[in-house]
Every structure is written in structure tokens, then in C-alpha cells.
Protein backbone atom coordinates (compact mmCIF):
# COMPACT_ATOMS: atom_id res chain seq x y z
CA MET A 1 0.00 0.00 0.00
CA ARG A 2 1.19 3.47 -0.80
CA MET A 3 2.22 5.36 2.33
CA TRP A 4 1.68 9.12 2.40
CA PRO A 5 3.74 11.60 4.39
CA LYS A 6 1.96 12.70 7.51
CA GLY A 7 1.10 16.20 6.27
CA ILE A 8 -0.20 14.98 2.90
CA TRP A 9 -2.35 12.34 4.64
CA LEU A 10 -4.05 15.02 6.70
CA ILE A 11 -4.57 17.33 3.74
CA ALA A 12 -6.05 14.49 1.68
CA LEU A 13 -8.49 13.74 4.45
CA LEU A 14 -9.57 17.35 4.65
CA LEU A 15 -10.08 17.60 0.91
CA ALA A 16 -11.97 14.30 0.53
CA GLY A 17 -15.64 13.70 0.44
CA CYS A 18 -18.01 16.59 -0.28
CA GLY A 19 -17.67 17.36 -3.94
CA GLY A 20 -20.21 19.74 -5.36
CA SER A 21 -20.89 21.75 -2.21
CA ASN A 22 -19.25 24.67 -0.48
CA PRO A 23 -19.15 23.60 3.17
CA GLN A 24 -18.47 26.06 5.94
CA PRO A 25 -16.75 23.90 8.55
CA VAL A 26 -17.17 24.89 12.16
CA SER A 27 -14.24 25.06 14.50
CA PRO A 28 -13.46 21.90 16.48
CA GLU A 29 -14.37 23.73 19.71
CA GLU A 30 -17.77 24.72 18.35
CA PHE A 31 -18.45 21.23 17.01
CA TYR A 32 -17.61 19.47 20.24
CA SER A 33 -19.61 21.94 22.33
CA ARG A 34 -22.56 21.58 19.96
CA HIS A 35 -22.62 17.81 20.29
CA ASN A 36 -21.55 17.60 23.93
CA LEU A 37 -18.63 15.36 23.01
CA SER A 38 -16.47 16.91 25.67
CA GLU A 39 -19.05 15.95 28.28
CA ALA A 40 -19.17 12.25 27.41
CA PRO A 41 -19.30 10.24 30.64
CA MET A 42 -16.38 8.13 31.71
CA SER A 43 -16.77 4.44 31.14
CA VAL A 44 -17.00 2.10 34.10
CA THR A 45 -13.39 1.09 33.61
CA ASP A 46 -12.32 4.75 33.69
CA GLN A 47 -13.99 5.45 37.05
CA PRO A 48 -11.81 5.58 40.15
CA GLY A 49 -11.78 2.56 42.42
CA VAL A 50 -12.07 -1.16 41.76
CA VAL A 51 -13.21 -2.19 38.30
CA PRO A 52 -16.44 -4.25 38.61
CA GLN A 53 -16.24 -7.87 37.58
CA ARG A 54 -17.74 -8.72 34.26
CA ASP A 55 -21.05 -10.50 34.41
CA VAL A 56 -20.93 -11.67 30.81
CA GLN A 57 -18.28 -13.98 29.44
CA ALA A 58 -18.14 -12.93 25.82
CA GLU A 59 -17.37 -15.34 23.03
CA PRO A 60 -14.44 -14.45 20.78
CA PRO A 61 -15.96 -11.98 18.34
CA ALA A 62 -16.41 -12.54 14.66
CA PRO A 63 -15.06 -9.73 12.48
CA PRO A 64 -17.61 -6.96 13.05
CA LEU A 65 -19.36 -5.00 10.36
CA VAL A 66 -18.32 -1.42 9.79
CA PRO A 67 -21.21 1.04 10.08
CA MET A 68 -22.26 3.28 7.25
CA GLY A 69 -20.99 6.75 6.68
CA GLY A 70 -18.77 6.90 3.67
CA SER A 71 -15.00 6.43 3.46
CA ALA A 72 -13.69 9.95 2.87
CA GLY A 73 -10.24 10.25 4.33
CA ILE A 74 -10.12 6.66 5.56
CA SER A 75 -7.18 4.35 4.83
CA GLU A 76 -7.61 2.43 1.58
CA THR A 77 -6.74 -0.85 3.31
CA VAL A 78 -9.39 -0.25 5.98
CA ARG A 79 -11.92 0.70 3.29
CA ARG A 80 -11.22 -2.41 1.20
CA THR A 81 -11.09 -4.85 4.11
CA PHE A 82 -14.35 -4.15 5.92
CA PRO A 83 -17.79 -4.53 4.37
CA GLN A 84 -18.72 -1.44 2.41
CA PRO A 85 -21.42 0.85 3.73
CA GLY A 86 -24.91 -0.28 2.86
CA GLU A 87 -24.22 -4.00 2.51
CA VAL A 88 -25.07 -6.60 5.12
CA GLU A 89 -25.07 -10.23 4.02
CA GLY A 90 -25.83 -9.22 0.45
CA VAL A 91 -28.83 -7.03 1.33
CA ALA A 92 -28.63 -3.27 1.10
CA THR A 93 -29.12 -1.54 4.44
CA ARG A 94 -28.42 1.76 6.14
CA PRO A 95 -26.60 0.67 9.32
CA SER A 96 -25.78 3.08 12.12
CA VAL A 97 -23.68 2.92 15.24
CA ALA A 98 -25.20 2.75 18.70
CA ALA A 99 -26.45 5.98 20.22
CA THR A 100 -24.58 7.35 23.23
CA THR A 101 -27.07 8.66 25.73
CA GLY A 102 -25.05 8.69 28.92
CA PRO A 103 -24.62 6.12 31.68
CA THR A 104 -27.38 4.34 33.48
CA THR A 105 -27.79 5.15 37.14
CA GLY A 106 -27.06 1.69 38.43
CA PRO A 107 -26.43 -1.93 37.47
CA THR A 108 -28.80 -3.56 35.06
CA THR A 109 -30.37 -6.55 36.75
CA GLY A 110 -33.53 -7.05 34.70
CA PRO A 111 -35.48 -5.65 31.77
CA THR A 112 -34.33 -2.08 31.22
CA THR A 113 -36.41 0.70 29.73
CA LEU A 114 -36.10 4.45 29.69
CA ALA A 115 -38.78 7.07 29.08
CA SER A 116 -40.58 6.07 25.91
CA THR A 117 -41.79 7.92 22.89
CA ARG A 118 -43.13 6.32 19.72
CA PRO A 119 -40.86 6.91 16.72
CA ALA A 120 -41.85 5.50 13.36
CA LEU A 121 -40.01 2.77 11.55
CA PRO A 122 -39.81 3.31 7.78
CA GLY A 123 -43.29 2.67 6.43
CA GLY A 124 -45.25 4.18 9.31
CA GLN A 125 -45.00 1.31 11.82
CA TYR A 126 -44.31 2.23 15.42
CA MET A 127 -42.22 0.77 18.22
CA GLU A 128 -41.37 1.63 21.78
CA LEU A 129 -38.19 3.65 22.27
CA GLY A 130 -36.36 2.98 25.50
CA THR A 131 -36.01 -0.81 25.31
CA VAL A 132 -32.36 -1.54 26.12
CA VAL A 133 -30.88 -4.70 24.61
CA ALA A 134 -27.34 -4.23 25.97
CA VAL A 135 -25.28 -1.90 28.16
CA VAL A 136 -21.58 -1.34 27.39
CA ASN A 137 -19.60 0.34 30.18
CA GLY A 138 -22.73 2.18 31.23
CA THR A 139 -23.82 3.15 27.71
CA PRO A 140 -27.17 1.64 26.66
CA ILE A 141 -27.87 0.18 23.23
CA PHE A 142 -31.52 0.58 22.31
CA ALA A 143 -33.73 -1.86 20.43
CA ASN A 144 -34.91 0.85 18.06
CA LYS A 145 -31.31 1.30 16.89
CA VAL A 146 -31.02 -2.42 16.19
CA LEU A 147 -34.29 -2.55 14.25
CA ARG A 148 -33.54 0.56 12.22
CA ARG A 149 -30.20 -0.91 11.24
CA ASP A 150 -31.84 -4.20 10.25
CA ALA A 151 -35.11 -2.92 8.76
CA THR A 152 -34.23 -3.78 5.14
CA VAL A 153 -32.70 -7.15 6.06
CA LEU A 154 -35.75 -8.07 8.13
CA GLY A 155 -38.00 -7.00 5.28
CA GLU A 156 -36.17 -9.34 2.92
CA LEU A 157 -36.45 -12.19 5.44
CA ALA A 158 -40.18 -11.56 5.84
CA ARG A 159 -40.68 -11.95 2.09
CA GLN A 160 -38.72 -15.23 2.12
CA TYR A 161 -40.14 -17.00 5.17
CA ASP A 162 -43.44 -17.84 6.82
CA LEU A 163 -44.16 -16.32 10.25
CA ARG A 164 -42.56 -19.12 12.29
CA ARG A 165 -39.35 -19.26 10.28
CA PHE A 166 -39.21 -15.47 10.16
CA GLN A 167 -39.23 -15.33 13.96
CA VAL A 168 -36.20 -17.64 14.12
CA ALA A 169 -34.33 -15.72 11.41
CA ALA A 170 -35.21 -12.35 12.96
CA ARG A 171 -33.89 -13.40 16.37
CA ASP A 172 -30.62 -14.55 14.80
CA ARG A 173 -30.25 -11.26 12.89
CA ILE A 174 -31.11 -9.14 15.94
CA ASP A 175 -28.66 -11.07 18.14
CA LYS A 176 -25.87 -10.52 15.61
CA THR A 177 -26.65 -6.85 15.16
CA THR A 178 -26.73 -6.29 18.91
CA GLN A 179 -23.28 -7.86 19.13
CA GLU A 180 -22.04 -5.68 16.28
CA LEU A 181 -23.31 -2.57 18.06
CA VAL A 182 -21.51 -3.67 21.22
CA TYR A 183 -18.30 -3.86 19.18
CA ASP A 184 -19.03 -0.45 17.66
CA GLU A 185 -19.40 1.07 21.12
CA LEU A 186 -16.16 -0.52 22.35
CA ARG A 187 -14.20 0.79 19.36
CA TYR A 188 -15.74 4.23 19.65
CA ALA A 189 -14.83 4.45 23.34
CA ALA A 190 -11.30 3.27 22.54
CA ALA A 191 -11.00 5.93 19.84
CA GLU A 192 -12.13 8.63 22.27
CA ARG A 193 -9.55 7.47 24.81
CA THR A 194 -6.54 6.93 22.59
CA LEU A 195 -6.70 9.24 19.56
CA GLU A 196 -4.82 12.52 19.59
CA SER A 197 -6.69 15.80 19.53
CA LYS A 198 -5.80 16.43 15.87
CA ASP A 199 -7.50 13.15 14.90
CA LYS A 200 -10.60 14.09 16.84
CA GLU A 201 -10.60 17.47 15.14
CA LEU A 202 -10.33 15.70 11.79
CA ALA A 203 -13.38 13.54 12.62
CA ALA A 204 -15.26 16.74 13.53
CA ILE A 205 -14.35 18.41 10.23
CA LEU A 206 -15.36 15.36 8.18
CA THR A 207 -18.62 15.16 10.09
CA GLU A 208 -19.44 18.80 9.44
CA ARG A 209 -18.74 18.27 5.74
CA TRP A 210 -21.09 15.28 5.72
CA ARG A 211 -23.77 17.37 7.44
CA THR A 212 -23.32 20.18 4.91
CA ARG A 213 -23.59 17.74 2.02
CA LYS A 214 -26.85 16.26 3.33
CA ILE A 215 -28.33 19.75 3.66
CA THR A 216 -27.14 20.59 0.14
CA GLU A 217 -28.80 17.42 -1.18
CA ALA A 218 -31.99 18.62 0.51
CA GLY A 219 -31.92 21.77 -1.58
CA GLY A 220 -30.04 23.74 1.04
CA SER A 221 -32.84 23.37 3.58
CA LEU A 222 -32.04 22.08 7.05
CA GLU A 223 -35.75 21.50 7.63
CA VAL A 224 -36.02 19.29 4.53
CA ALA A 225 -32.96 17.32 5.66
CA ARG A 226 -34.63 16.80 9.03
CA ARG A 227 -37.86 15.62 7.40
CA ARG A 228 -35.94 13.17 5.23
CA ALA A 229 -34.24 11.76 8.31
CA LEU A 230 -37.57 11.38 10.08
CA ALA A 231 -38.93 9.51 7.06
CA GLU A 232 -36.15 6.98 7.71
CA GLY A 233 -37.18 6.77 11.36
CA GLU A 234 -34.29 8.87 12.72
CA ASP A 235 -33.52 12.32 13.99
CA PHE A 236 -31.14 14.31 11.78
CA ASN A 237 -28.96 15.24 14.74
CA GLU A 238 -28.68 11.54 15.60
CA GLN A 239 -27.55 10.83 12.06
CA VAL A 240 -24.86 13.50 12.41
CA GLU A 241 -23.74 11.92 15.70
CA ASP A 242 -23.63 8.50 14.04
CA GLN A 243 -21.51 9.95 11.29
CA HIS A 244 -19.07 11.45 13.78
CA ARG A 245 -18.72 8.09 15.51
CA PHE A 246 -18.14 6.37 12.18
CA TYR A 247 -15.31 8.71 11.20
CA LEU A 248 -13.71 8.46 14.62
CA VAL A 249 -13.72 4.65 14.51
CA GLN A 250 -12.28 4.58 10.98
CA ILE A 251 -9.47 6.93 12.00
CA TYR A 252 -8.86 4.71 15.04
CA LEU A 253 -8.50 1.64 12.78
CA THR A 254 -6.17 3.51 10.45
CA ARG A 255 -4.00 4.92 13.24
CA LYS A 256 -3.93 2.12 15.78
CA ILE A 257 -4.52 -1.16 13.93
CA GLU A 258 -3.34 -0.80 10.34
CA PRO A 259 0.30 0.12 11.19
CA ARG A 260 0.68 -3.32 12.75
CA VAL A 261 -0.02 -5.04 9.41
CA GLN A 262 3.15 -6.45 7.86
CA VAL A 263 3.22 -8.34 4.55
CA THR A 264 6.61 -9.68 3.51
CA ALA A 265 7.84 -10.82 0.09
CA GLY A 266 8.00 -14.35 1.47
CA ASP A 267 4.37 -14.18 2.54
CA MET A 268 3.38 -13.11 -0.95
CA ARG A 269 5.42 -15.84 -2.66
CA ARG A 270 3.94 -18.55 -0.42
CA TYR A 271 0.40 -17.31 -1.12
CA TYR A 272 1.08 -17.31 -4.86
CA GLN A 273 2.34 -20.92 -4.85
CA ALA A 274 -0.53 -22.12 -2.67
CA ASN A 275 -3.13 -20.53 -4.96
CA LEU A 276 -1.40 -20.90 -8.34
CA ALA A 277 -3.83 -23.43 -9.77
CA SER A 278 -7.05 -22.01 -8.33
CA ARG A 279 -6.47 -18.26 -8.59
CA PHE A 280 -3.62 -17.45 -10.95
CA SER A 281 -4.04 -20.09 -13.67
CA GLN A 282 -6.71 -20.07 -16.36
CA PRO A 283 -7.22 -23.30 -18.37
CA ASP A 284 -8.04 -23.40 -22.06
CA LYS A 285 -11.83 -23.40 -22.49
CA ALA A 286 -14.10 -24.20 -25.42
CA VAL A 287 -17.86 -23.91 -25.93
CA VAL A 288 -19.19 -26.72 -28.13
CA TRP A 289 -22.34 -28.35 -29.39
CA ILE A 290 -22.14 -32.16 -29.23
CA LEU A 291 -24.42 -34.52 -31.21
CA HIS A 292 -24.48 -38.18 -30.17
CA THR A 293 -25.94 -41.53 -31.18
CA ASP A 294 -25.70 -44.78 -29.20
CA PRO A 295 -25.15 -48.09 -31.01
CA SER A 296 -26.34 -50.00 -27.93
CA ASP A 297 -29.80 -48.48 -28.43
CA LEU A 298 -30.05 -48.21 -32.21
CA GLY A 299 -27.64 -50.85 -33.45
CA ARG A 300 -24.31 -49.91 -34.96
CA ALA A 301 -25.47 -49.41 -38.55
CA LEU A 302 -28.50 -47.24 -37.69
CA ALA A 303 -26.50 -45.23 -35.15
CA MET A 304 -23.82 -44.59 -37.79
CA ASP A 305 -26.41 -43.52 -40.39
CA LYS A 306 -28.06 -41.15 -37.92
CA ILE A 307 -24.81 -39.48 -36.77
CA HIS A 308 -23.77 -38.94 -40.41
CA ASP A 309 -27.16 -37.34 -41.05
CA PHE A 310 -26.58 -35.06 -38.06
CA ARG A 311 -23.19 -34.08 -39.43
CA ARG A 312 -24.55 -33.36 -42.90
CA ARG A 313 -27.28 -31.10 -41.52
CA ALA A 314 -24.82 -29.33 -39.20
CA LEU A 315 -22.50 -28.63 -42.13
CA ALA A 316 -25.49 -27.24 -44.04
CA GLY A 317 -25.95 -24.68 -41.25
CA GLU A 318 -29.05 -26.16 -39.63
CA ASP A 319 -29.77 -24.85 -36.12
CA MET A 320 -27.77 -26.90 -33.61
CA ALA A 321 -30.33 -26.44 -30.86
CA GLY A 322 -32.95 -28.08 -33.09
CA LEU A 323 -30.63 -30.97 -33.97
CA ALA A 324 -29.74 -31.48 -30.30
CA LYS A 325 -33.43 -32.06 -29.52
CA LEU A 326 -33.54 -34.93 -32.05
CA GLN A 327 -30.94 -37.00 -30.21
CA ASN A 328 -31.64 -39.22 -27.22
CA SER A 329 -28.91 -37.65 -25.06
CA PRO A 330 -30.12 -35.14 -22.46
CA LEU A 331 -26.48 -34.58 -21.47
CA PHE A 332 -25.91 -32.77 -24.77
CA ALA A 333 -29.19 -30.85 -25.06
CA GLU A 334 -27.36 -27.55 -24.45
CA PRO A 335 -23.95 -26.22 -25.52
CA ARG A 336 -21.19 -27.29 -23.13
CA THR A 337 -18.10 -25.54 -21.80
CA VAL A 338 -15.12 -27.88 -21.86
CA GLU A 339 -11.80 -27.25 -20.11
CA ARG A 340 -8.66 -28.80 -21.55
CA HIS A 341 -7.73 -32.12 -19.89
CA SER A 342 -11.01 -32.28 -17.98
CA PHE A 343 -13.47 -33.98 -20.39
CA ALA A 344 -14.21 -37.69 -19.94
CA LEU A 345 -14.57 -38.22 -23.72
CA THR A 346 -10.86 -37.96 -24.50
CA ASN A 347 -11.17 -38.62 -28.25
CA VAL A 348 -13.80 -35.89 -28.51
CA GLU A 349 -11.66 -33.49 -26.48
CA ASP A 350 -8.59 -34.13 -28.61
CA GLN A 351 -10.61 -33.16 -31.67
CA ILE A 352 -11.95 -29.96 -30.08
CA TRP A 353 -8.50 -28.35 -29.71
CA THR A 354 -7.71 -28.88 -33.42
CA MET A 355 -10.81 -26.97 -34.58
CA ASN A 356 -11.61 -23.33 -35.24
CA PRO A 357 -14.87 -21.61 -34.22
CA GLY A 358 -17.66 -22.62 -36.61
CA ASP A 359 -15.99 -25.92 -37.65
CA VAL A 360 -17.92 -29.19 -37.61
CA SER A 361 -15.88 -32.29 -36.82
CA ASP A 362 -15.82 -35.65 -38.55
CA VAL A 363 -17.69 -38.49 -36.85
CA ILE A 364 -15.77 -39.46 -33.69
CA GLU A 365 -16.08 -42.84 -31.97
CA ASP A 366 -15.51 -42.65 -28.22
CA ARG A 367 -16.47 -45.04 -25.41
CA GLY A 368 -18.84 -46.99 -27.61
CA GLY A 369 -20.75 -43.99 -28.95
CA PHE A 370 -20.65 -41.81 -32.08
CA TYR A 371 -20.18 -38.04 -31.81
CA VAL A 372 -20.11 -34.92 -33.95
CA VAL A 373 -18.83 -31.62 -32.50
CA LYS A 374 -19.43 -28.05 -33.62
CA LEU A 375 -17.06 -25.52 -32.03
CA VAL A 376 -18.76 -22.30 -30.94
CA SER A 377 -15.82 -20.51 -29.31
CA ARG A 378 -12.44 -21.18 -27.74
CA VAL A 379 -10.38 -19.22 -25.21
CA HIS A 380 -6.72 -19.91 -24.55
CA GLY A 381 -5.82 -19.79 -20.87
CA GLY A 382 -2.48 -19.27 -19.21
CA VAL A 383 -0.68 -18.57 -15.97
CA ARG A 384 -0.42 -15.11 -14.44
CA SER A 385 3.19 -14.56 -13.49
CA PHE A 386 4.20 -13.66 -9.95
CA GLU A 387 6.34 -10.90 -11.46
CA ASP A 388 3.20 -9.25 -12.82
CA GLU A 389 2.68 -6.04 -10.83
CA ALA A 390 -1.09 -6.50 -10.81
CA VAL A 391 -0.70 -10.00 -9.37
CA GLN A 392 1.55 -8.75 -6.58
CA ASP A 393 -0.84 -5.91 -5.75
CA GLU A 394 -3.74 -8.36 -5.62
CA ILE A 395 -1.83 -10.68 -3.27
CA ARG A 396 -0.65 -7.81 -1.09
CA GLN A 397 -4.17 -6.42 -0.69
CA THR A 398 -5.55 -9.87 0.11
CA LEU A 399 -2.93 -10.58 2.79
CA ARG A 400 -3.22 -7.10 4.28
CA GLY A 401 -6.97 -7.52 4.49
CA GLU A 402 -6.65 -10.90 6.21
CA GLN A 403 -4.16 -9.52 8.72
CA LEU A 404 -6.23 -6.42 9.38
CA ARG A 405 -9.37 -8.44 10.09
CA LYS A 406 -7.44 -10.69 12.48
CA LEU A 407 -5.82 -7.76 14.29
CA GLU A 408 -9.14 -5.94 14.57
CA GLN A 409 -10.76 -9.08 15.97
CA GLU A 410 -7.98 -9.41 18.54
CA ASP A 411 -8.39 -5.74 19.44
CA VAL A 412 -12.14 -6.15 20.02
CA GLN A 413 -11.45 -9.21 22.17
CA ARG A 414 -8.99 -7.17 24.26
CA LEU A 415 -11.56 -4.40 24.64
CA LEU A 416 -14.19 -6.94 25.70
CA GLU A 417 -11.89 -8.34 28.37
CA ASN A 418 -11.57 -4.89 29.91
CA ALA A 419 -15.23 -3.92 29.59
CA VAL A 420 -18.44 -4.45 31.50
CA VAL A 421 -21.04 -5.67 29.02
CA ARG A 422 -24.55 -6.60 30.06
CA THR A 423 -27.17 -8.05 27.77
CA ASP A 424 -30.82 -8.73 28.52
CA PRO A 425 -32.44 -11.73 26.80
CA GLN A 426 -35.91 -10.47 27.75
CA MET A 427 -35.29 -7.25 25.89
CA ILE A 428 -33.98 -9.19 22.88
CA ASP A 429 -37.36 -10.95 23.04
CA ALA A 430 -39.03 -7.54 23.02
CA ALA A 431 -37.02 -6.47 19.97
CA VAL A 432 -38.00 -9.68 18.18
CA GLN A 433 -41.64 -8.98 19.02
CA MET A 434 -41.31 -5.51 17.50
CA ALA A 435 -40.04 -7.14 14.30
CA MET A 436 -42.91 -9.64 14.37
CA GLU A 437 -45.44 -6.79 14.53
CA ASN A 438 -44.03 -5.50 11.24
CA TYR A 439 -44.16 -8.94 9.56
CA PRO A 440 -47.56 -8.47 7.80
CA ARG A 441 -46.39 -5.26 6.14
CA TRP A 442 -42.89 -6.53 5.29
CA ALA A 443 -44.19 -9.83 3.87
CA LYS A 444 -46.25 -8.09 1.19
CA PRO A 445 -44.75 -8.49 -2.33
């Protein structure tokens, strides 16, 4: 990966992202005061005194998803490695990070709710705000955040499954998303603790540019931008906060995790050799029509007469699809793609590689049957050399991505070991019930 000098890296970050608008960035002091970032409560592990014992033994985390927000100013390796914004398991979504609303006033020992209002999910359905599905170092994660993040995924599941199977799939998705939001909160808190002030200022500037762009897209109207956010079931200010958290986490990954990635020439050579056949070699391929008669069914003389008739009609330019329907061989009802040295009919394959596109072969006897081949197309394969710059870049990016995911997973595990994380199965049940209430609407075609 190309490494930029420190000053250029910062300038590139500042210039990235908002094309087409003329943002007026606020000062870092104004931004932080506006969003109360300087007043964020200390985590439980930052409080004086004895750190409370964890009451949840977390499983080693799977590589977490990266929340949406764009990648302006973020390391290219980080951007390539983590799932791109808006994609979760192949379904487009608009994920967001967990809201920070301050610490709870005491330990969570049972179902936790805060003062409720009734915000709308996209489509006009309502749910109770205040249901807490997890608490991370005193910061609650709300069910409405989980369901908003998963609304599109759950909608897709509702269209695929009946009510009973949807309930099972929805619980699995909500459990995973809750875990992802726990990871998001841990990384965000780590970024707040460990990043330098200039990095925090950079996150503030990028956030203000994002905010300006959204207002510009709304025709320059803050009120329109707010209405659009509400149509998605969110408050515009919450979206801005989510965006700030996203940028801060991405800068944290770039500053704290990515520098530990090391890919050597030996690593690259070993990967190339291990994947030479599957990834860096392309066999010769041919697309052919094959006509066949079977002497065991027709008798040798009749089978020979019929295959010669097929060949004559093929040479005359008759449609091969029509001829293929006249034979009693469903294996050859469609054109086939044949790779060199992979076809069981070796006599037929030998003939294929002597032909040019459009040629019709002589009658070929192979394994007791008679065959005629018409070559549609042929592509010569080859081996991509390790010395090819594109090959080396591909290998380097792959290995860097693998290392980065592993290091990030180890980092989240370390953060979990030093955190107090509480989850509430009863509130997960409540979140699943909220999804079930939306099933009739989501299941409609």
C-alpha cells in the first residue's frame, strides 16, 4: 500500500468527500460543544476505584461489520477490508452505530427501559423507544437502533419465510446486530480514549462536511434534511452523531490497527504458490455443441447412419439447438463448456482443440458412442506470473486484508476483556416482538 507523508495524509483527508458543495466547517471547539462530546461520561473502567467484575463472558468476536458513513479520508486498506457501507449479508441496508445517551444510574439486573416515545419505523410502523438490549460500560444500546439498522434485512427475510421461520431468522439477525453494536461502542470508546486531539478534530471536520452535504442534497434546507431523516425513522442530529462516531472509529482503525499489518515478500510468494492453480491459472476453455448416437440403443449401422445425417445437416448450417433435440442424449441438449484435460470423452476433447470456431468435426467414436462436435468458441488460458505487478498488488491487498481483520478481531477481544457488558435476553425478546409486529407489512410483495 502506498504510504503518504503525515502532512499529505491530513490534507487528503480534509479535501476528501463533499464534492459539489461549499461547506463552511465549524471550529473543532464549536463542534464538540454543539454535540456535547467533551461531556461524554467516563466508562466504568475509567472510574476511580475497583473495576467491577464482568457479568458476561463474551465469546471471541467474529469480524464486526463497519457502520455506514462513507469512506472519505479513511485508509484504503481499511476501506477495502471491511464490508462497504450499505451492505449486510448481500442485502442493502443503512446501518448506524449505537447511540450514546449517557450512563445508566445503576447496574442492570432485569429488563431495562427508559422514558418512551413512539418513533416510526420506515413505512409508518411504530415501536417503543427505551427498550435496552445491551449496556456497554454504562452506555445503553436501544432496540430501536437495532431494528432501524436491520429494517431492510428483516423486510427481505419476511418476504422469504413464513411467520414461524421469520421469527427464528429475525432473532438470529437481531442477536448478531446487537453484538455488532456492542463492538461499535467498544471501538468508539477506545478511539475517544486513545486518539490525539488532531485526529478528533479531523473527525469533527469530516462530520461537518457530511452534514453540509446532506443539507445541500436537501436543496439547502435544514428543515427538509430533518424531514428526510424522520422519514427513515431517525432524527437528523442523531444521524450526524452517528456519522461522527463512524469517522472516529475509521481513523482509530487507520492509526492504531493498520500500522501493525506487515506483509513480507516471502508471505506473498507462499500465497502465490498455494493458490497458483485455483487463482492465478486459467485453463483453455471451449464452448461446443455435441451430437451423439448410441449403437447399444439403435444398433451400430442405424447409429452410424443417424450421426452422419446429423453431421450433414450441421454442415449445411441447420440450427444446432434443433438438432440437439432430435438425439436421445439429455447430457448434450445444451452447448457445453469444456476445459482442456477435464473432459471424460478424451477422443472428442482431442478433436476440439484442433478446430476453429464454426468448424464441424468428422464423426468421432468414443467409449462406444458416435459423436459430432461443432465448435462455438475457444479461449486460450495461461498462468499469471508472480512478477506481474497486478498479481503482486492483488496478493498484497488480500494478505493485508486478512491480517487487518485478524488484528481488529484481537483488538475487540482485548476491549471486551476490559469492559463491563450486560445483555438482557428479555429485551432481545421484546425487539424480536417488534419485528414480528411489522411482519404483515414486510411480507407483502
